[in-house]
Amino acid sequence: MDISCENCGNSFKVADEKLPAGKTVSIKCPKCKEKTSFPVPAKTENQSGSDGAAAFGFAEMMPDESTYDASEKPFDFIEEEGKTALVCEANPEIKGRMKKVLDFLEYHISDADDTRDALKKLRYHTYDLIIINETFGSRSPDTNGLLIYLERMKMKIRRNIFILLLTKRFTTMDNMTAFQKSVNLVVNLNDIDHFEKILTRGLNDYEQFYHIYKDTQRQIENYL
């Protein structure tokens, strides 16, 4: 939520998750240190639910909240430092080659059978890495429901996920396409033989880019 200080006019942001809906909140301005008060809008029906799934047209694809299936939560007992990956690729040969690389990089791997299955897994776990073919669960890569869901995910969560897009249309490591598609790395399927080198470089660039940002974000959150 965007907030403007009543005292000095400074503008800053506070994560929506930290604000009680429908209440008036007082927060100390990080610039002038004076408290400013503001009302927090009540959540609408479309804003509730699993990561806003209903708002994005995915309500019919989400699992029943009243049921529980332990198989949908494959990473319940992983140690905190364990890395997790979700693979959304229908081709078994390509999937197998990528999983060998992920296993070598010590990722705990989960497969998605289709878009619905991917959303069920995302319901319970925030993955460190998501690999998705742009045609996974969709005839048109430009209307891929899972990619749209990830694009509209809350930014606080999305920043902690490295998303790799598999494609036949775009050039590997095309940064402009990655920006347009709201992903971190683009890999052309013709370059799958070099998947390990490409992924390793992409992850290293990602860690360097976000290292300072994440440190600053943690300091701000601790301050608030």
Protein backbone atom coordinates (compact mmCIF):
# COMPACT_ATOMS: atom_id res chain seq x y z
CA MET A 1 0.00 0.00 0.00
CA ASP A 2 1.27 3.48 -0.89
CA ILE A 3 1.39 5.86 2.10
CA SER A 4 2.03 9.59 2.27
CA CYS A 5 3.31 11.10 5.52
CA GLU A 6 0.96 13.76 6.94
CA ASN A 7 3.90 15.65 8.45
CA CYS A 8 6.59 15.85 5.73
CA GLY A 9 4.80 14.51 2.64
CA ASN A 10 7.25 11.63 2.18
CA SER A 11 5.83 8.69 0.21
CA PHE A 12 6.65 5.10 1.12
CA LYS A 13 5.20 1.61 0.84
CA VAL A 14 4.07 -0.96 3.40
CA ALA A 15 3.29 -4.57 2.48
CA ASP A 16 -0.46 -5.20 2.42
CA GLU A 17 0.03 -8.35 4.51
CA LYS A 18 1.22 -6.21 7.46
CA LEU A 19 -1.90 -4.01 7.49
CA PRO A 20 -5.19 -5.00 9.20
CA ALA A 21 -8.02 -4.64 6.68
CA GLY A 22 -10.77 -2.19 7.59
CA LYS A 23 -8.78 -0.49 10.40
CA THR A 24 -7.05 2.85 10.92
CA VAL A 25 -3.30 2.42 11.35
CA SER A 26 -0.54 4.68 12.69
CA ILE A 27 3.00 4.17 11.36
CA LYS A 28 6.22 6.08 11.98
CA CYS A 29 7.53 7.80 8.83
CA PRO A 30 11.02 6.49 7.95
CA LYS A 31 12.09 10.04 6.94
CA CYS A 32 10.85 12.45 9.62
CA LYS A 33 10.14 9.82 12.33
CA GLU A 34 6.69 11.30 13.01
CA LYS A 35 3.63 9.06 13.13
CA THR A 36 1.09 9.27 10.34
CA SER A 37 -2.39 7.72 10.44
CA PHE A 38 -4.39 6.32 7.54
CA PRO A 39 -7.37 4.01 6.96
CA VAL A 40 -6.78 0.56 5.46
CA PRO A 41 -9.50 -0.49 2.98
CA ALA A 42 -11.46 -3.59 3.83
CA LYS A 43 -10.72 -6.58 1.63
CA THR A 44 -13.25 -7.29 -1.07
CA GLU A 45 -14.50 -10.79 -1.88
CA ASN A 46 -12.29 -10.87 -4.97
CA GLN A 47 -9.21 -10.05 -2.91
CA SER A 48 -9.64 -13.01 -0.59
CA GLY A 49 -8.73 -16.61 -1.26
CA SER A 50 -5.57 -18.46 -2.20
CA ASP A 51 -3.17 -15.79 -3.50
CA GLY A 52 -6.03 -13.98 -5.22
CA ALA A 53 -6.92 -16.98 -7.37
CA ALA A 54 -10.57 -16.01 -7.57
CA ALA A 55 -9.67 -12.50 -8.78
CA PHE A 56 -7.64 -13.92 -11.64
CA GLY A 57 -10.20 -16.44 -12.88
CA PHE A 58 -8.53 -19.51 -11.34
CA ALA A 59 -11.11 -20.23 -8.63
CA GLU A 60 -12.47 -23.28 -10.43
CA MET A 61 -8.94 -24.70 -10.68
CA MET A 62 -8.07 -24.42 -6.99
CA PRO A 63 -8.52 -27.41 -4.64
CA ASP A 64 -11.32 -27.68 -2.13
CA GLU A 65 -10.24 -25.96 1.10
CA SER A 66 -12.15 -28.52 3.17
CA THR A 67 -10.05 -31.45 1.94
CA TYR A 68 -6.47 -32.41 2.74
CA ASP A 69 -4.13 -34.62 0.79
CA ALA A 70 -0.61 -35.06 2.21
CA SER A 71 0.74 -35.76 -1.27
CA GLU A 72 0.00 -32.15 -2.18
CA LYS A 73 2.53 -30.96 0.43
CA PRO A 74 5.72 -32.77 -0.60
CA PHE A 75 8.12 -30.40 1.15
CA ASP A 76 6.69 -30.30 4.68
CA PHE A 77 9.79 -31.74 6.31
CA ILE A 78 12.64 -30.19 4.31
CA GLU A 79 15.29 -28.35 6.31
CA GLU A 80 15.20 -24.56 6.07
CA GLU A 81 18.27 -24.38 3.83
CA GLY A 82 16.84 -26.90 1.35
CA LYS A 83 16.11 -25.53 -2.14
CA THR A 84 12.90 -26.51 -3.93
CA ALA A 85 11.95 -26.53 -7.61
CA LEU A 86 8.68 -27.00 -9.48
CA VAL A 87 8.95 -28.33 -13.05
CA CYS A 88 6.09 -27.57 -15.44
CA GLU A 89 7.12 -29.38 -18.63
CA ALA A 90 5.08 -32.00 -20.49
CA ASN A 91 7.88 -33.50 -22.59
CA PRO A 92 9.36 -36.39 -20.53
CA GLU A 93 12.74 -36.28 -22.30
CA ILE A 94 13.26 -32.57 -21.69
CA LYS A 95 11.94 -32.89 -18.16
CA GLY A 96 14.32 -35.75 -17.40
CA ARG A 97 17.35 -33.84 -18.63
CA MET A 98 16.46 -30.79 -16.56
CA LYS A 99 15.79 -32.85 -13.45
CA LYS A 100 19.27 -34.36 -13.65
CA VAL A 101 20.71 -30.84 -13.52
CA LEU A 102 18.40 -29.81 -10.66
CA ASP A 103 19.30 -32.93 -8.73
CA PHE A 104 23.00 -32.18 -9.22
CA LEU A 105 22.36 -28.64 -7.90
CA GLU A 106 20.68 -30.23 -4.84
CA TYR A 107 17.13 -29.07 -5.48
CA HIS A 108 14.18 -30.97 -4.05
CA ILE A 109 12.07 -31.44 -7.19
CA SER A 110 8.32 -31.55 -7.66
CA ASP A 111 6.54 -32.25 -10.97
CA ALA A 112 3.31 -30.63 -12.13
CA ASP A 113 1.02 -32.75 -14.29
CA ASP A 114 -1.02 -29.79 -15.50
CA THR A 115 -1.99 -26.22 -14.57
CA ARG A 116 -4.43 -27.36 -11.88
CA ASP A 117 -1.78 -29.57 -10.30
CA ALA A 118 0.73 -26.70 -10.37
CA LEU A 119 -1.72 -24.37 -8.60
CA LYS A 120 -2.39 -27.02 -5.95
CA LYS A 121 1.32 -27.26 -5.23
CA LEU A 122 1.72 -23.47 -5.19
CA ARG A 123 -1.08 -23.35 -2.63
CA TYR A 124 1.12 -25.08 -0.07
CA HIS A 125 4.64 -24.09 -0.98
CA THR A 126 6.69 -21.12 -2.17
CA TYR A 127 9.28 -22.60 -4.52
CA ASP A 128 12.78 -21.23 -4.93
CA LEU A 129 12.73 -22.13 -8.63
CA ILE A 130 9.88 -22.66 -11.09
CA ILE A 131 10.56 -23.94 -14.61
CA ILE A 132 7.62 -23.57 -16.98
CA ASN A 133 7.22 -24.22 -20.67
CA GLU A 134 5.28 -21.34 -22.21
CA THR A 135 2.84 -23.87 -23.75
CA PHE A 136 2.36 -25.86 -20.53
CA GLY A 137 -1.38 -26.42 -20.09
CA SER A 138 -2.19 -23.92 -22.85
CA ARG A 139 -2.48 -23.93 -26.62
CA SER A 140 -1.45 -20.30 -26.81
CA PRO A 141 1.78 -19.23 -25.05
CA ASP A 142 0.48 -15.67 -24.83
CA THR A 143 -2.54 -16.74 -22.73
CA ASN A 144 -0.85 -19.29 -20.48
CA GLY A 145 -2.94 -19.35 -17.31
CA LEU A 146 -0.11 -20.39 -15.01
CA LEU A 147 2.20 -17.64 -16.29
CA ILE A 148 -0.57 -15.10 -15.76
CA TYR A 149 -1.09 -16.39 -12.23
CA LEU A 150 2.62 -16.06 -11.43
CA GLU A 151 2.78 -12.60 -12.99
CA ARG A 152 -0.05 -11.39 -10.74
CA MET A 153 1.31 -12.99 -7.59
CA LYS A 154 1.94 -10.65 -4.68
CA MET A 155 5.30 -9.02 -5.29
CA LYS A 156 6.58 -9.80 -1.80
CA ILE A 157 6.29 -13.50 -2.64
CA ARG A 158 7.20 -13.25 -6.32
CA ARG A 159 10.59 -11.63 -5.62
CA ASN A 160 11.72 -14.75 -3.80
CA ILE A 161 10.99 -17.07 -6.74
CA PHE A 162 13.28 -17.57 -9.72
CA ILE A 163 11.08 -18.29 -12.76
CA LEU A 164 12.63 -19.84 -15.87
CA LEU A 165 10.65 -19.75 -19.12
CA LEU A 166 11.18 -22.51 -21.69
CA THR A 167 10.37 -21.39 -25.23
CA LYS A 168 10.80 -22.10 -28.92
CA ARG A 169 10.14 -18.48 -29.92
CA PHE A 170 12.75 -16.41 -28.09
CA THR A 171 16.52 -16.32 -27.71
CA THR A 172 18.18 -17.80 -24.65
CA MET A 173 19.00 -15.20 -21.97
CA ASP A 174 17.04 -12.48 -23.79
CA ASN A 175 16.71 -9.99 -20.93
CA MET A 176 14.13 -7.81 -22.67
CA THR A 177 11.83 -10.79 -23.27
CA ALA A 178 12.35 -11.91 -19.67
CA PHE A 179 11.25 -8.46 -18.49
CA GLN A 180 8.20 -8.44 -20.77
CA LYS A 181 7.14 -11.93 -19.65
CA SER A 182 7.81 -11.18 -15.96
CA VAL A 183 10.28 -14.05 -15.63
CA ASN A 184 13.92 -14.17 -14.54
CA LEU A 185 15.43 -16.21 -17.34
CA VAL A 186 14.48 -17.30 -20.87
CA VAL A 187 15.86 -20.56 -22.27
CA ASN A 188 15.28 -21.64 -25.85
CA LEU A 189 14.62 -25.38 -26.08
CA ASN A 190 17.29 -25.66 -28.78
CA ASP A 191 19.85 -24.85 -26.08
CA ILE A 192 18.71 -27.55 -23.65
CA ASP A 193 22.10 -29.29 -24.01
CA HIS A 194 23.64 -26.32 -22.20
CA PHE A 195 20.92 -26.12 -19.55
CA GLU A 196 23.25 -26.49 -16.56
CA LYS A 197 25.56 -23.64 -17.61
CA ILE A 198 22.65 -21.37 -18.54
CA LEU A 199 20.75 -22.00 -15.30
CA THR A 200 23.85 -21.60 -13.13
CA ARG A 201 24.71 -18.27 -14.74
CA GLY A 202 21.11 -17.07 -14.47
CA LEU A 203 20.92 -17.96 -10.78
CA ASN A 204 24.24 -16.24 -10.07
CA ASP A 205 23.08 -13.06 -11.83
CA TYR A 206 19.81 -13.22 -9.88
CA GLU A 207 21.56 -13.57 -6.51
CA GLN A 208 23.92 -10.66 -7.23
CA PHE A 209 21.07 -8.44 -8.41
CA TYR A 210 18.83 -9.07 -5.40
CA HIS A 211 21.47 -9.34 -2.68
CA ILE A 212 21.56 -5.62 -1.84
CA TYR A 213 17.82 -5.19 -2.39
CA LYS A 214 16.88 -8.01 -0.01
CA ASP A 215 19.26 -6.76 2.68
CA THR A 216 17.72 -3.29 2.45
CA GLN A 217 14.20 -4.71 2.50
CA ARG A 218 14.91 -6.72 5.66
CA GLN A 219 16.27 -3.62 7.38
CA ILE A 220 13.16 -1.63 6.49
CA GLU A 221 10.81 -4.39 7.67
CA ASN A 222 12.69 -4.71 10.95
CA TYR A 223 12.49 -0.94 11.39
CA LEU A 224 8.70 -0.92 10.81
